[in-house]
Amino acid sequence: MTAAVFDTNVIVSGVLSPFGTPGRLLDAILDGFCLPVVSDTIMEEYEDVLNRPTFRFSPSKTRLLLAAIRSRAVYAPFAPFPTAHVLPDPDDAIFVEAALGLHVPLVTASRKHFPPHAVGGAPVLSPSTFLARIA
């Protein structure tokens, strides 16, 4: 079974576009075909973004989705990322830390947020590339 860290944009896009690539990845997570690698901070990020009024997601469905992700997730050990400051958004370091902590890829639709020189060797894949790997 393939494990990966999923950037928040993949999770949100999966909810918004259930028949697109991110939606298929979200289905793969929920169906147990791949393992989401998370940390408490990543789960907090998912919850914060999914609950933004902009999206108008049902709070009860959001809670169910987060519970389902938690129940299938592998928690990465805490591994501080000393060069987080070189990321375009240092808050994104939580995803790199988790990927490096368990040596798994980071899946994101915003690869520009994770330039190769700034991710400490963590593989950064697009949703379509990752989906092709698990298909």
N, C-alpha and C. Protein backbone atom coordinates (compact mmCIF):
# COMPACT_ATOMS: atom_id res chain seq x y z
N MET A 1 0.84 -1.17 0.00
CA MET A 1 0.00 0.00 0.00
C MET A 1 0.89 1.24 0.00
N THR A 2 0.54 2.20 -0.81
CA THR A 2 1.34 3.40 -0.96
C THR A 2 0.88 4.48 0.01
N ALA A 3 1.83 5.11 0.66
CA ALA A 3 1.54 6.18 1.60
C ALA A 3 2.07 7.49 1.04
N ALA A 4 1.41 8.59 1.43
CA ALA A 4 1.84 9.92 1.00
C ALA A 4 1.26 10.96 1.92
N VAL A 5 1.91 12.11 1.92
CA VAL A 5 1.37 13.29 2.58
C VAL A 5 0.57 14.05 1.53
N PHE A 6 -0.64 14.44 1.88
CA PHE A 6 -1.49 15.17 0.95
C PHE A 6 -1.64 16.61 1.41
N ASP A 7 -1.20 17.53 0.56
CA ASP A 7 -1.36 18.95 0.83
C ASP A 7 -2.86 19.23 0.95
N THR A 8 -3.19 20.23 1.73
CA THR A 8 -4.58 20.59 1.96
C THR A 8 -5.33 20.84 0.66
N ASN A 9 -4.65 21.42 -0.33
CA ASN A 9 -5.33 21.71 -1.59
C ASN A 9 -5.84 20.45 -2.28
N VAL A 10 -5.19 19.34 -2.07
CA VAL A 10 -5.65 18.08 -2.67
C VAL A 10 -6.92 17.60 -1.97
N ILE A 11 -6.96 17.71 -0.66
CA ILE A 11 -8.14 17.28 0.09
C ILE A 11 -9.34 18.16 -0.27
N VAL A 12 -9.15 19.48 -0.25
CA VAL A 12 -10.24 20.40 -0.57
C VAL A 12 -10.71 20.21 -2.01
N SER A 13 -9.77 20.08 -2.93
CA SER A 13 -10.14 19.86 -4.33
C SER A 13 -10.87 18.54 -4.51
N GLY A 14 -10.51 17.56 -3.71
CA GLY A 14 -11.20 16.27 -3.78
C GLY A 14 -12.66 16.38 -3.38
N VAL A 15 -12.94 17.24 -2.42
CA VAL A 15 -14.33 17.46 -2.00
C VAL A 15 -15.07 18.28 -3.06
N LEU A 16 -14.40 19.30 -3.58
CA LEU A 16 -15.03 20.19 -4.57
C LEU A 16 -15.25 19.51 -5.91
N SER A 17 -14.33 18.63 -6.30
CA SER A 17 -14.40 17.96 -7.60
C SER A 17 -14.27 16.46 -7.42
N PRO A 18 -15.34 15.82 -6.96
CA PRO A 18 -15.23 14.39 -6.63
C PRO A 18 -14.91 13.48 -7.82
N PHE A 19 -15.12 13.96 -9.05
CA PHE A 19 -14.85 13.10 -10.20
C PHE A 19 -13.53 13.43 -10.88
N GLY A 20 -12.83 14.46 -10.39
CA GLY A 20 -11.53 14.81 -10.92
C GLY A 20 -10.44 14.01 -10.24
N THR A 21 -9.21 14.29 -10.60
CA THR A 21 -8.07 13.56 -10.02
C THR A 21 -8.02 13.68 -8.50
N PRO A 22 -8.15 14.89 -7.93
CA PRO A 22 -8.13 14.96 -6.46
C PRO A 22 -9.28 14.16 -5.82
N GLY A 23 -10.43 14.16 -6.45
CA GLY A 23 -11.56 13.37 -5.93
C GLY A 23 -11.26 11.89 -5.96
N ARG A 24 -10.60 11.45 -7.01
CA ARG A 24 -10.22 10.03 -7.11
C ARG A 24 -9.18 9.68 -6.05
N LEU A 25 -8.28 10.64 -5.75
CA LEU A 25 -7.30 10.39 -4.68
C LEU A 25 -7.99 10.34 -3.33
N LEU A 26 -8.93 11.23 -3.11
CA LEU A 26 -9.67 11.19 -1.84
C LEU A 26 -10.41 9.87 -1.71
N ASP A 27 -11.01 9.40 -2.79
CA ASP A 27 -11.66 8.08 -2.77
C ASP A 27 -10.66 6.98 -2.45
N ALA A 28 -9.46 7.07 -3.03
CA ALA A 28 -8.43 6.06 -2.77
C ALA A 28 -8.04 6.04 -1.30
N ILE A 29 -7.99 7.22 -0.68
CA ILE A 29 -7.70 7.29 0.75
C ILE A 29 -8.83 6.64 1.54
N LEU A 30 -10.05 7.06 1.23
CA LEU A 30 -11.21 6.58 1.99
C LEU A 30 -11.49 5.09 1.77
N ASP A 31 -11.11 4.59 0.60
CA ASP A 31 -11.30 3.17 0.30
C ASP A 31 -10.13 2.30 0.74
N GLY A 32 -9.09 2.94 1.30
CA GLY A 32 -7.97 2.17 1.82
C GLY A 32 -6.93 1.76 0.80
N PHE A 33 -6.93 2.36 -0.39
CA PHE A 33 -5.93 2.02 -1.40
C PHE A 33 -4.61 2.75 -1.21
N CYS A 34 -4.65 3.83 -0.45
CA CYS A 34 -3.41 4.52 -0.09
C CYS A 34 -3.57 5.09 1.31
N LEU A 35 -2.44 5.25 1.96
CA LEU A 35 -2.44 5.73 3.35
C LEU A 35 -2.07 7.20 3.40
N PRO A 36 -2.90 8.02 4.02
CA PRO A 36 -2.50 9.41 4.21
C PRO A 36 -1.55 9.50 5.40
N VAL A 37 -0.47 10.20 5.21
CA VAL A 37 0.48 10.45 6.30
C VAL A 37 0.16 11.84 6.83
N VAL A 38 -0.09 11.91 8.12
CA VAL A 38 -0.50 13.18 8.73
C VAL A 38 0.27 13.42 10.02
N SER A 39 0.03 14.57 10.57
CA SER A 39 0.47 14.92 11.92
C SER A 39 -0.72 15.64 12.54
N ASP A 40 -0.67 15.90 13.82
CA ASP A 40 -1.75 16.65 14.44
C ASP A 40 -1.91 18.01 13.78
N THR A 41 -0.80 18.64 13.44
CA THR A 41 -0.85 19.95 12.82
C THR A 41 -1.47 19.90 11.43
N ILE A 42 -1.17 18.87 10.68
CA ILE A 42 -1.79 18.71 9.35
C ILE A 42 -3.30 18.52 9.50
N MET A 43 -3.71 17.69 10.45
CA MET A 43 -5.14 17.49 10.66
C MET A 43 -5.83 18.80 11.07
N GLU A 44 -5.16 19.60 11.88
CA GLU A 44 -5.71 20.91 12.25
C GLU A 44 -5.84 21.81 11.03
N GLU A 45 -4.85 21.76 10.15
CA GLU A 45 -4.89 22.54 8.91
C GLU A 45 -6.06 22.10 8.04
N TYR A 46 -6.23 20.79 7.86
CA TYR A 46 -7.36 20.29 7.08
C TYR A 46 -8.68 20.82 7.67
N GLU A 47 -8.82 20.69 8.98
CA GLU A 47 -10.05 21.11 9.63
C GLU A 47 -10.29 22.61 9.46
N ASP A 48 -9.26 23.40 9.67
CA ASP A 48 -9.39 24.85 9.53
C ASP A 48 -9.85 25.24 8.13
N VAL A 49 -9.21 24.69 7.13
CA VAL A 49 -9.53 25.07 5.75
C VAL A 49 -10.90 24.53 5.33
N LEU A 50 -11.19 23.28 5.66
CA LEU A 50 -12.49 22.72 5.28
C LEU A 50 -13.66 23.44 5.95
N ASN A 51 -13.41 24.06 7.09
CA ASN A 51 -14.48 24.77 7.80
C ASN A 51 -14.59 26.24 7.43
N ARG A 52 -13.81 26.70 6.48
CA ARG A 52 -13.90 28.11 6.07
C ARG A 52 -15.26 28.36 5.42
N PRO A 53 -15.89 29.47 5.77
CA PRO A 53 -17.21 29.79 5.21
C PRO A 53 -17.23 29.88 3.68
N THR A 54 -16.09 30.18 3.10
CA THR A 54 -15.99 30.28 1.63
C THR A 54 -16.49 29.01 0.95
N PHE A 55 -16.18 27.87 1.53
CA PHE A 55 -16.51 26.60 0.89
C PHE A 55 -17.94 26.14 1.15
N ARG A 56 -18.51 26.55 2.26
CA ARG A 56 -19.88 26.17 2.62
C ARG A 56 -20.06 24.66 2.71
N PHE A 57 -19.02 23.97 3.18
CA PHE A 57 -19.14 22.53 3.39
C PHE A 57 -19.97 22.30 4.65
N SER A 58 -20.73 21.26 4.63
CA SER A 58 -21.53 20.88 5.79
C SER A 58 -20.60 20.53 6.96
N PRO A 59 -20.80 21.17 8.13
CA PRO A 59 -19.95 20.84 9.28
C PRO A 59 -19.99 19.36 9.65
N SER A 60 -21.16 18.75 9.54
CA SER A 60 -21.24 17.33 9.91
C SER A 60 -20.50 16.45 8.89
N LYS A 61 -20.59 16.79 7.60
CA LYS A 61 -19.86 16.01 6.60
C LYS A 61 -18.35 16.24 6.73
N THR A 62 -17.97 17.46 7.09
CA THR A 62 -16.55 17.74 7.31
C THR A 62 -16.02 16.91 8.47
N ARG A 63 -16.78 16.85 9.56
CA ARG A 63 -16.36 16.03 10.71
C ARG A 63 -16.21 14.57 10.31
N LEU A 64 -17.16 14.06 9.53
CA LEU A 64 -17.10 12.67 9.07
C LEU A 64 -15.88 12.42 8.20
N LEU A 65 -15.61 13.34 7.29
CA LEU A 65 -14.45 13.20 6.41
C LEU A 65 -13.16 13.19 7.22
N LEU A 66 -13.03 14.13 8.15
CA LEU A 66 -11.82 14.20 8.97
C LEU A 66 -11.67 12.95 9.84
N ALA A 67 -12.76 12.45 10.36
CA ALA A 67 -12.71 11.22 11.16
C ALA A 67 -12.28 10.04 10.29
N ALA A 68 -12.77 10.00 9.06
CA ALA A 68 -12.39 8.91 8.14
C ALA A 68 -10.91 9.00 7.79
N ILE A 69 -10.42 10.20 7.54
CA ILE A 69 -8.99 10.36 7.23
C ILE A 69 -8.16 9.93 8.43
N ARG A 70 -8.54 10.42 9.63
CA ARG A 70 -7.80 10.04 10.85
C ARG A 70 -7.75 8.53 11.04
N SER A 71 -8.87 7.87 10.77
CA SER A 71 -8.93 6.42 11.03
C SER A 71 -8.06 5.62 10.05
N ARG A 72 -7.72 6.23 8.92
CA ARG A 72 -6.91 5.53 7.93
C ARG A 72 -5.47 6.01 7.91
N ALA A 73 -5.18 7.03 8.68
CA ALA A 73 -3.90 7.72 8.60
C ALA A 73 -2.78 7.03 9.36
N VAL A 74 -1.59 7.31 8.91
CA VAL A 74 -0.37 6.97 9.60
C VAL A 74 0.18 8.30 10.11
N TYR A 75 0.49 8.37 11.38
CA TYR A 75 1.01 9.61 11.94
C TYR A 75 2.52 9.64 11.83
N ALA A 76 3.01 10.71 11.25
CA ALA A 76 4.45 10.89 11.09
C ALA A 76 5.07 11.33 12.41
N PRO A 77 6.26 10.86 12.69
CA PRO A 77 6.95 11.33 13.89
C PRO A 77 7.31 12.80 13.71
N PHE A 78 7.37 13.52 14.81
CA PHE A 78 7.75 14.93 14.72
C PHE A 78 9.21 15.01 14.30
N ALA A 79 9.45 15.72 13.23
CA ALA A 79 10.81 15.92 12.72
C ALA A 79 10.91 17.36 12.25
N PRO A 80 11.37 18.26 13.11
CA PRO A 80 11.42 19.67 12.70
C PRO A 80 12.25 19.85 11.43
N PHE A 81 11.76 20.71 10.58
CA PHE A 81 12.40 20.98 9.30
C PHE A 81 13.20 22.27 9.45
N PRO A 82 14.52 22.15 9.63
CA PRO A 82 15.34 23.31 9.99
C PRO A 82 15.40 24.40 8.93
N THR A 83 15.11 24.08 7.68
CA THR A 83 15.19 25.11 6.65
C THR A 83 13.82 25.52 6.15
N ALA A 84 12.82 25.46 7.02
CA ALA A 84 11.46 25.84 6.64
C ALA A 84 11.41 27.27 6.09
N HIS A 85 12.31 28.08 6.55
CA HIS A 85 12.31 29.49 6.11
C HIS A 85 12.57 29.64 4.61
N VAL A 86 13.10 28.62 3.94
CA VAL A 86 13.35 28.74 2.50
C VAL A 86 12.12 28.39 1.66
N LEU A 87 11.09 27.88 2.28
CA LEU A 87 9.85 27.62 1.56
C LEU A 87 9.15 28.94 1.26
N PRO A 88 8.46 29.06 0.14
CA PRO A 88 7.71 30.29 -0.13
C PRO A 88 6.75 30.65 1.00
N ASP A 89 6.13 29.63 1.61
CA ASP A 89 5.28 29.84 2.77
C ASP A 89 5.79 28.92 3.87
N PRO A 90 6.51 29.45 4.85
CA PRO A 90 7.07 28.60 5.91
C PRO A 90 6.03 27.75 6.65
N ASP A 91 4.76 28.15 6.62
CA ASP A 91 3.71 27.35 7.25
C ASP A 91 3.52 26.01 6.56
N ASP A 92 3.99 25.89 5.32
CA ASP A 92 3.88 24.63 4.58
C ASP A 92 4.91 23.60 5.05
N ALA A 93 5.78 23.98 5.95
CA ALA A 93 6.81 23.05 6.45
C ALA A 93 6.20 21.82 7.08
N ILE A 94 4.98 21.91 7.62
CA ILE A 94 4.35 20.75 8.26
C ILE A 94 4.22 19.57 7.30
N PHE A 95 4.00 19.87 6.03
CA PHE A 95 3.85 18.81 5.04
C PHE A 95 5.20 18.18 4.69
N VAL A 96 6.22 19.02 4.58
CA VAL A 96 7.57 18.53 4.30
C VAL A 96 8.08 17.70 5.48
N GLU A 97 7.83 18.17 6.69
CA GLU A 97 8.26 17.44 7.89
C GLU A 97 7.67 16.03 7.91
N ALA A 98 6.38 15.94 7.62
CA ALA A 98 5.73 14.62 7.63
C ALA A 98 6.27 13.73 6.52
N ALA A 99 6.48 14.28 5.34
CA ALA A 99 7.01 13.49 4.22
C ALA A 99 8.41 12.98 4.55
N LEU A 100 9.24 13.85 5.09
CA LEU A 100 10.60 13.44 5.44
C LEU A 100 10.61 12.47 6.62
N GLY A 101 9.67 12.65 7.55
CA GLY A 101 9.62 11.80 8.73
C GLY A 101 9.38 10.34 8.42
N LEU A 102 8.60 10.07 7.36
CA LEU A 102 8.33 8.67 6.99
C LEU A 102 8.82 8.33 5.58
N HIS A 103 9.60 9.22 4.99
CA HIS A 103 10.19 8.97 3.67
C HIS A 103 9.12 8.63 2.63
N VAL A 104 8.11 9.48 2.55
CA VAL A 104 7.03 9.30 1.58
C VAL A 104 6.92 10.56 0.74
N PRO A 105 6.26 10.47 -0.41
CA PRO A 105 6.09 11.66 -1.24
C PRO A 105 5.07 12.63 -0.66
N LEU A 106 5.22 13.86 -1.08
CA LEU A 106 4.27 14.92 -0.78
C LEU A 106 3.47 15.17 -2.05
N VAL A 107 2.16 15.07 -1.96
CA VAL A 107 1.29 15.25 -3.13
C VAL A 107 0.62 16.60 -3.01
N THR A 108 0.83 17.43 -4.03
CA THR A 108 0.28 18.78 -4.02
C THR A 108 -0.03 19.24 -5.43
N ALA A 109 -1.04 20.08 -5.54
CA ALA A 109 -1.36 20.72 -6.81
C ALA A 109 -0.59 22.03 -6.94
N SER A 110 0.12 22.42 -5.90
CA SER A 110 0.87 23.68 -5.89
C SER A 110 2.36 23.40 -5.73
N ARG A 111 2.93 22.79 -6.74
CA ARG A 111 4.34 22.41 -6.65
C ARG A 111 5.25 23.61 -6.49
N LYS A 112 4.80 24.79 -6.93
CA LYS A 112 5.63 25.98 -6.78
C LYS A 112 5.81 26.35 -5.30
N HIS A 113 4.92 25.86 -4.44
CA HIS A 113 5.06 26.10 -3.00
C HIS A 113 6.13 25.21 -2.38
N PHE A 114 6.57 24.21 -3.14
CA PHE A 114 7.55 23.24 -2.64
C PHE A 114 8.68 23.06 -3.65
N PRO A 115 9.48 24.11 -3.87
CA PRO A 115 10.56 23.99 -4.86
C PRO A 115 11.59 22.95 -4.44
N PRO A 116 12.19 22.27 -5.40
CA PRO A 116 13.12 21.19 -5.10
C PRO A 116 14.24 21.58 -4.14
N HIS A 117 14.77 22.78 -4.25
CA HIS A 117 15.87 23.19 -3.38
C HIS A 117 15.43 23.42 -1.94
N ALA A 118 14.11 23.43 -1.69
CA ALA A 118 13.62 23.80 -0.37
C ALA A 118 12.93 22.68 0.39
N VAL A 119 12.93 21.46 -0.16
CA VAL A 119 12.16 20.39 0.48
C VAL A 119 13.02 19.27 1.07
N GLY A 120 14.30 19.49 1.15
CA GLY A 120 15.17 18.52 1.80
C GLY A 120 15.19 17.15 1.16
N GLY A 121 14.93 17.07 -0.13
CA GLY A 121 14.96 15.79 -0.83
C GLY A 121 13.64 15.03 -0.83
N ALA A 122 12.61 15.58 -0.21
CA ALA A 122 11.31 14.91 -0.24
C ALA A 122 10.76 14.93 -1.66
N PRO A 123 10.28 13.79 -2.15
CA PRO A 123 9.67 13.80 -3.48
C PRO A 123 8.36 14.57 -3.45
N VAL A 124 8.17 15.46 -4.40
CA VAL A 124 6.95 16.25 -4.50
C VAL A 124 6.29 15.86 -5.82
N LEU A 125 5.06 15.33 -5.70
CA LEU A 125 4.35 14.81 -6.87
C LEU A 125 3.04 15.56 -7.09
N SER A 126 2.65 15.66 -8.33
CA SER A 126 1.32 16.20 -8.65
C SER A 126 0.29 15.12 -8.34
N PRO A 127 -0.96 15.52 -8.13
CA PRO A 127 -2.00 14.51 -7.91
C PRO A 127 -2.09 13.48 -9.04
N SER A 128 -1.97 13.93 -10.29
CA SER A 128 -2.07 12.98 -11.40
C SER A 128 -0.91 12.00 -11.43
N THR A 129 0.29 12.46 -11.11
CA THR A 129 1.44 11.56 -11.05
C THR A 129 1.26 10.52 -9.94
N PHE A 130 0.82 10.96 -8.79
CA PHE A 130 0.62 10.03 -7.69
C PHE A 130 -0.49 9.03 -8.02
N LEU A 131 -1.58 9.52 -8.61
CA LEU A 131 -2.69 8.63 -8.97
C LEU A 131 -2.21 7.56 -9.95
N ALA A 132 -1.37 7.94 -10.90
CA ALA A 132 -0.84 6.96 -11.86
C ALA A 132 -0.01 5.90 -11.14
N ARG A 133 0.68 6.29 -10.07
CA ARG A 133 1.49 5.33 -9.32
C ARG A 133 0.64 4.30 -8.58
N ILE A 134 -0.53 4.70 -8.13
CA ILE A 134 -1.34 3.76 -7.35
C ILE A 134 -2.41 3.06 -8.19
N ALA A 135 -2.56 3.50 -9.42
CA ALA A 135 -3.62 2.91 -10.27
C ALA A 135 -3.25 1.51 -10.72
